[in-house]
Amino acid sequence: MNNVLIPPEVSVYIGVLVQWGFLMAFLYSLTTSINNPTKQAVWLSLVMAISYCFSFFIDIYDITYIELFCYDVATLFFIFFLRYYLPEKRMSTYLLFGLSINSLLFLAMHIDVFVRGNYTPWWFWSFYTVVINMMDIIMVSIFFVKKDFLMLVHATDKLVNGVMRLKQSG
């Protein structure tokens, strides 16, 4: 995986920063929920912190995109599982959105590099680098902002309501 635009030495620091962000999100959620009966943010941030902290033990020089894809898909399943039991909607929507985008990008990079054998950088590699890091920042920030700042929940509700109306009328 050392053929991407960001050198592995820099990727390690970005990864550590994101891991630290999820750990701080967990600790922040834990402290703000002490006198609060709702613990959804604690559980979601714990899943994300554990998921991203597992990557701390991965050798950045030997991991493949398909392995990163599998890690994100496993985390997606945990979030779906928690979403079934926790009534919280906003944070889980942002986490599902970010992890879905990340996993699709990991899969696309795997197909580009390992299936198609493309080792020359092109615009998609730059897109991948920017979007992966943006999604990580968005997922960390939802635990602190706690607002629908990208209007994802609003858009999802509108889409679901529109589909339900079509089903009822058709």
C-alpha atoms as a PDB file:
ATOM      1  CA  MET A   1       0.000   0.000   0.000  1.00  0.00           C
ATOM      2  CA  ASN A   2       3.025   2.257  -0.160  1.00  0.00           C
ATOM      3  CA  ASN A   3       2.059   3.444  -3.638  1.00  0.00           C
ATOM      4  CA  VAL A   4      -0.461   6.088  -2.596  1.00  0.00           C
ATOM      5  CA  LEU A   5      -0.073   9.847  -2.677  1.00  0.00           C
ATOM      6  CA  ILE A   6       0.484  10.256   1.056  1.00  0.00           C
ATOM      7  CA  PRO A   7       3.636   8.455   2.196  1.00  0.00           C
ATOM      8  CA  PRO A   8       3.106   5.755   4.850  1.00  0.00           C
ATOM      9  CA  GLU A   9       5.144   7.785   7.345  1.00  0.00           C
ATOM     10  CA  VAL A  10       2.598  10.611   7.109  1.00  0.00           C
ATOM     11  CA  SER A  11      -0.348   8.188   7.009  1.00  0.00           C
ATOM     12  CA  VAL A  12       0.723   6.827  10.378  1.00  0.00           C
ATOM     13  CA  TYR A  13       0.454  10.298  11.928  1.00  0.00           C
ATOM     14  CA  ILE A  14      -2.919  10.958  10.328  1.00  0.00           C
ATOM     15  CA  GLY A  15      -4.140   7.574  11.568  1.00  0.00           C
ATOM     16  CA  VAL A  16      -2.918   8.269  15.087  1.00  0.00           C
ATOM     17  CA  LEU A  17      -4.659  11.658  15.047  1.00  0.00           C
ATOM     18  CA  VAL A  18      -7.945  10.025  14.002  1.00  0.00           C
ATOM     19  CA  GLN A  19      -7.531   7.291  16.641  1.00  0.00           C
ATOM     20  CA  TRP A  20      -6.897   9.952  19.245  1.00  0.00           C
ATOM     21  CA  GLY A  21     -10.005  11.803  18.021  1.00  0.00           C
ATOM     22  CA  PHE A  22     -12.204   8.740  18.484  1.00  0.00           C
ATOM     23  CA  LEU A  23     -10.681   8.047  21.889  1.00  0.00           C
ATOM     24  CA  MET A  24     -11.371  11.646  22.950  1.00  0.00           C
ATOM     25  CA  ALA A  25     -14.902  11.344  21.531  1.00  0.00           C
ATOM     26  CA  PHE A  26     -15.428   8.255  23.677  1.00  0.00           C
ATOM     27  CA  LEU A  27     -14.084   9.941  26.812  1.00  0.00           C
ATOM     28  CA  TYR A  28     -16.119  13.086  26.104  1.00  0.00           C
ATOM     29  CA  SER A  29     -19.281  11.027  25.566  1.00  0.00           C
ATOM     30  CA  LEU A  30     -18.571   9.082  28.734  1.00  0.00           C
ATOM     31  CA  THR A  31     -18.158  12.198  30.879  1.00  0.00           C
ATOM     32  CA  THR A  32     -21.181  13.999  29.432  1.00  0.00           C
ATOM     33  CA  SER A  33     -23.408  10.955  29.941  1.00  0.00           C
ATOM     34  CA  ILE A  34     -22.663  10.445  33.635  1.00  0.00           C
ATOM     35  CA  ASN A  35     -25.853  12.206  34.781  1.00  0.00           C
ATOM     36  CA  ASN A  36     -27.725  11.415  31.584  1.00  0.00           C
ATOM     37  CA  PRO A  37     -29.745   8.217  31.143  1.00  0.00           C
ATOM     38  CA  THR A  38     -29.035   8.011  27.411  1.00  0.00           C
ATOM     39  CA  LYS A  39     -25.772   6.283  26.594  1.00  0.00           C
ATOM     40  CA  GLN A  40     -26.041   6.039  22.799  1.00  0.00           C
ATOM     41  CA  ALA A  41     -23.064   8.293  22.122  1.00  0.00           C
ATOM     42  CA  VAL A  42     -20.951   6.292  24.558  1.00  0.00           C
ATOM     43  CA  TRP A  43     -21.677   2.992  22.820  1.00  0.00           C
ATOM     44  CA  LEU A  44     -21.204   4.384  19.317  1.00  0.00           C
ATOM     45  CA  SER A  45     -17.972   6.170  20.204  1.00  0.00           C
ATOM     46  CA  LEU A  46     -16.715   3.029  21.951  1.00  0.00           C
ATOM     47  CA  VAL A  47     -17.288   0.971  18.792  1.00  0.00           C
ATOM     48  CA  MET A  48     -15.483   3.568  16.686  1.00  0.00           C
ATOM     49  CA  ALA A  49     -12.605   3.909  19.154  1.00  0.00           C
ATOM     50  CA  ILE A  50     -12.114   0.145  19.309  1.00  0.00           C
ATOM     51  CA  SER A  51     -12.379  -0.192  15.547  1.00  0.00           C
ATOM     52  CA  TYR A  52      -9.835   2.501  14.832  1.00  0.00           C
ATOM     53  CA  CYS A  53      -7.531   1.457  17.675  1.00  0.00           C
ATOM     54  CA  PHE A  54      -7.275  -2.048  16.195  1.00  0.00           C
ATOM     55  CA  SER A  55      -5.612  -0.431  13.209  1.00  0.00           C
ATOM     56  CA  PHE A  56      -2.859   0.771  15.524  1.00  0.00           C
ATOM     57  CA  PHE A  57      -1.454  -2.760  15.533  1.00  0.00           C
ATOM     58  CA  ILE A  58      -1.505  -3.052  11.749  1.00  0.00           C
ATOM     59  CA  ASP A  59       1.698  -2.609   9.788  1.00  0.00           C
ATOM     60  CA  ILE A  60       0.934   0.232   7.377  1.00  0.00           C
ATOM     61  CA  TYR A  61       3.444  -1.173   4.887  1.00  0.00           C
ATOM     62  CA  ASP A  62       1.778  -4.601   4.639  1.00  0.00           C
ATOM     63  CA  ILE A  63      -1.958  -3.927   4.804  1.00  0.00           C
ATOM     64  CA  THR A  64      -4.050  -4.071   1.664  1.00  0.00           C
ATOM     65  CA  TYR A  65      -7.088  -2.034   0.694  1.00  0.00           C
ATOM     66  CA  ILE A  66      -9.304  -5.101   0.853  1.00  0.00           C
ATOM     67  CA  GLU A  67      -8.331  -5.624   4.506  1.00  0.00           C
ATOM     68  CA  LEU A  68      -9.230  -2.014   5.276  1.00  0.00           C
ATOM     69  CA  PHE A  69     -12.500  -2.587   3.439  1.00  0.00           C
ATOM     70  CA  CYS A  70     -13.214  -5.624   5.633  1.00  0.00           C
ATOM     71  CA  TYR A  71     -12.464  -3.670   8.829  1.00  0.00           C
ATOM     72  CA  ASP A  72     -14.891  -0.934   7.819  1.00  0.00           C
ATOM     73  CA  VAL A  73     -17.594  -3.429   6.828  1.00  0.00           C
ATOM     74  CA  ALA A  74     -17.237  -5.183  10.195  1.00  0.00           C
ATOM     75  CA  THR A  75     -17.589  -1.824  11.953  1.00  0.00           C
ATOM     76  CA  LEU A  76     -20.642  -1.058   9.802  1.00  0.00           C
ATOM     77  CA  PHE A  77     -22.274  -4.266  11.015  1.00  0.00           C
ATOM     78  CA  PHE A  78     -21.602  -3.336  14.652  1.00  0.00           C
ATOM     79  CA  ILE A  79     -23.137   0.112  14.112  1.00  0.00           C
ATOM     80  CA  PHE A  80     -26.181  -1.448  12.400  1.00  0.00           C
ATOM     81  CA  PHE A  81     -26.514  -3.811  15.352  1.00  0.00           C
ATOM     82  CA  LEU A  82     -26.308  -0.941  17.843  1.00  0.00           C
ATOM     83  CA  ARG A  83     -28.709   1.153  15.780  1.00  0.00           C
ATOM     84  CA  TYR A  84     -31.311  -1.577  16.158  1.00  0.00           C
ATOM     85  CA  TYR A  85     -31.079  -1.408  19.965  1.00  0.00           C
ATOM     86  CA  LEU A  86     -30.339   2.287  20.449  1.00  0.00           C
ATOM     87  CA  PRO A  87     -32.895   4.898  19.436  1.00  0.00           C
ATOM     88  CA  GLU A  88     -30.158   7.397  18.520  1.00  0.00           C
ATOM     89  CA  LYS A  89     -30.320   8.379  14.882  1.00  0.00           C
ATOM     90  CA  ARG A  90     -28.080  11.349  14.163  1.00  0.00           C
ATOM     91  CA  MET A  91     -24.688   9.990  15.187  1.00  0.00           C
ATOM     92  CA  SER A  92     -25.264   6.544  13.755  1.00  0.00           C
ATOM     93  CA  THR A  93     -26.360   8.064  10.430  1.00  0.00           C
ATOM     94  CA  TYR A  94     -23.130  10.033  10.179  1.00  0.00           C
ATOM     95  CA  LEU A  95     -21.039   7.026  11.174  1.00  0.00           C
ATOM     96  CA  LEU A  96     -22.814   4.766   8.684  1.00  0.00           C
ATOM     97  CA  PHE A  97     -22.386   7.394   5.972  1.00  0.00           C
ATOM     98  CA  GLY A  98     -18.681   7.897   6.674  1.00  0.00           C
ATOM     99  CA  LEU A  99     -17.879   4.198   6.986  1.00  0.00           C
ATOM    100  CA  SER A 100     -19.851   3.393   3.833  1.00  0.00           C
ATOM    101  CA  ILE A 101     -17.969   6.012   1.819  1.00  0.00           C
ATOM    102  CA  ASN A 102     -14.639   4.850   3.257  1.00  0.00           C
ATOM    103  CA  SER A 103     -15.350   1.190   2.546  1.00  0.00           C
ATOM    104  CA  LEU A 104     -16.447   1.938  -1.026  1.00  0.00           C
ATOM    105  CA  LEU A 105     -13.265   3.930  -1.589  1.00  0.00           C
ATOM    106  CA  PHE A 106     -11.125   1.123  -0.139  1.00  0.00           C
ATOM    107  CA  LEU A 107     -12.851  -1.345  -2.451  1.00  0.00           C
ATOM    108  CA  ALA A 108     -12.381   0.955  -5.451  1.00  0.00           C
ATOM    109  CA  MET A 109      -8.683   1.389  -4.653  1.00  0.00           C
ATOM    110  CA  HIS A 110      -8.303  -2.381  -4.300  1.00  0.00           C
ATOM    111  CA  ILE A 111      -9.896  -2.886  -7.706  1.00  0.00           C
ATOM    112  CA  ASP A 112      -7.770  -0.154  -9.261  1.00  0.00           C
ATOM    113  CA  VAL A 113      -4.428  -1.235  -7.801  1.00  0.00           C
ATOM    114  CA  PHE A 114      -4.655  -4.978  -7.231  1.00  0.00           C
ATOM    115  CA  VAL A 115      -7.234  -6.150  -9.767  1.00  0.00           C
ATOM    116  CA  ARG A 116      -6.516  -3.793 -12.658  1.00  0.00           C
ATOM    117  CA  GLY A 117      -2.824  -3.482 -11.787  1.00  0.00           C
ATOM    118  CA  ASN A 118      -2.757   0.300 -12.057  1.00  0.00           C
ATOM    119  CA  TYR A 119       0.262   1.776 -10.283  1.00  0.00           C
ATOM    120  CA  THR A 120       0.278   5.211 -11.878  1.00  0.00           C
ATOM    121  CA  PRO A 121      -1.404   7.945  -9.858  1.00  0.00           C
ATOM    122  CA  TRP A 122      -4.474   9.539 -11.403  1.00  0.00           C
ATOM    123  CA  TRP A 123      -7.255  11.872 -10.202  1.00  0.00           C
ATOM    124  CA  PHE A 124      -9.076   9.119  -8.282  1.00  0.00           C
ATOM    125  CA  TRP A 125      -6.104   8.617  -5.984  1.00  0.00           C
ATOM    126  CA  SER A 126      -6.202  12.287  -4.995  1.00  0.00           C
ATOM    127  CA  PHE A 127      -9.970  12.067  -4.533  1.00  0.00           C
ATOM    128  CA  TYR A 128      -9.498   8.969  -2.360  1.00  0.00           C
ATOM    129  CA  THR A 129      -6.885  10.672  -0.183  1.00  0.00           C
ATOM    130  CA  VAL A 130      -8.990  13.769   0.437  1.00  0.00           C
ATOM    131  CA  VAL A 131     -12.336  12.035   0.970  1.00  0.00           C
ATOM    132  CA  ILE A 132     -11.029   9.323   3.315  1.00  0.00           C
ATOM    133  CA  ASN A 133      -9.572  11.960   5.619  1.00  0.00           C
ATOM    134  CA  MET A 134     -12.686  14.161   5.350  1.00  0.00           C
ATOM    135  CA  MET A 135     -14.940  11.255   6.319  1.00  0.00           C
ATOM    136  CA  ASP A 136     -12.762  10.501   9.342  1.00  0.00           C
ATOM    137  CA  ILE A 137     -12.967  14.137  10.454  1.00  0.00           C
ATOM    138  CA  ILE A 138     -16.746  14.175   9.968  1.00  0.00           C
ATOM    139  CA  MET A 139     -17.169  10.960  11.960  1.00  0.00           C
ATOM    140  CA  VAL A 140     -15.064  12.270  14.845  1.00  0.00           C
ATOM    141  CA  SER A 141     -16.738  15.684  14.846  1.00  0.00           C
ATOM    142  CA  ILE A 142     -20.314  14.346  15.076  1.00  0.00           C
ATOM    143  CA  PHE A 143     -19.612  13.253  18.652  1.00  0.00           C
ATOM    144  CA  PHE A 144     -18.682  16.794  19.646  1.00  0.00           C
ATOM    145  CA  VAL A 145     -21.038  18.846  17.477  1.00  0.00           C
ATOM    146  CA  LYS A 146     -24.087  16.590  17.990  1.00  0.00           C
ATOM    147  CA  LYS A 147     -26.014  18.411  15.258  1.00  0.00           C
ATOM    148  CA  ASP A 148     -27.045  17.452  11.742  1.00  0.00           C
ATOM    149  CA  PHE A 149     -24.455  19.805  10.250  1.00  0.00           C
ATOM    150  CA  LEU A 150     -24.457  18.159   6.792  1.00  0.00           C
ATOM    151  CA  MET A 151     -28.241  17.666   6.810  1.00  0.00           C
ATOM    152  CA  LEU A 152     -27.759  13.903   6.324  1.00  0.00           C
ATOM    153  CA  VAL A 153     -30.518  12.908   8.727  1.00  0.00           C
ATOM    154  CA  HIS A 154     -32.855  15.475   7.188  1.00  0.00           C
ATOM    155  CA  ALA A 155     -32.126  14.169   3.676  1.00  0.00           C
ATOM    156  CA  THR A 156     -32.515  10.551   4.800  1.00  0.00           C
ATOM    157  CA  ASP A 157     -35.870  11.310   6.430  1.00  0.00           C
ATOM    158  CA  LYS A 158     -37.101  13.072   3.286  1.00  0.00           C
ATOM    159  CA  LEU A 159     -35.982  10.155   1.127  1.00  0.00           C
ATOM    160  CA  VAL A 160     -37.642   7.559   3.362  1.00  0.00           C
ATOM    161  CA  ASN A 161     -40.862   9.598   3.573  1.00  0.00           C
ATOM    162  CA  GLY A 162     -40.909   9.987  -0.216  1.00  0.00           C
ATOM    163  CA  VAL A 163     -40.444   6.266  -0.751  1.00  0.00           C
ATOM    164  CA  MET A 164     -43.176   5.475   1.783  1.00  0.00           C
ATOM    165  CA  ARG A 165     -45.593   7.868   0.050  1.00  0.00           C
ATOM    166  CA  LEU A 166     -44.838   6.230  -3.290  1.00  0.00           C
ATOM    167  CA  LYS A 167     -45.481   2.786  -1.813  1.00  0.00           C
ATOM    168  CA  GLN A 168     -48.771   3.894  -0.273  1.00  0.00           C
ATOM    169  CA  SER A 169     -50.018   5.621  -3.424  1.00  0.00           C
ATOM    170  CA  GLY A 170     -48.805   2.937  -5.853  1.00  0.00           C
END
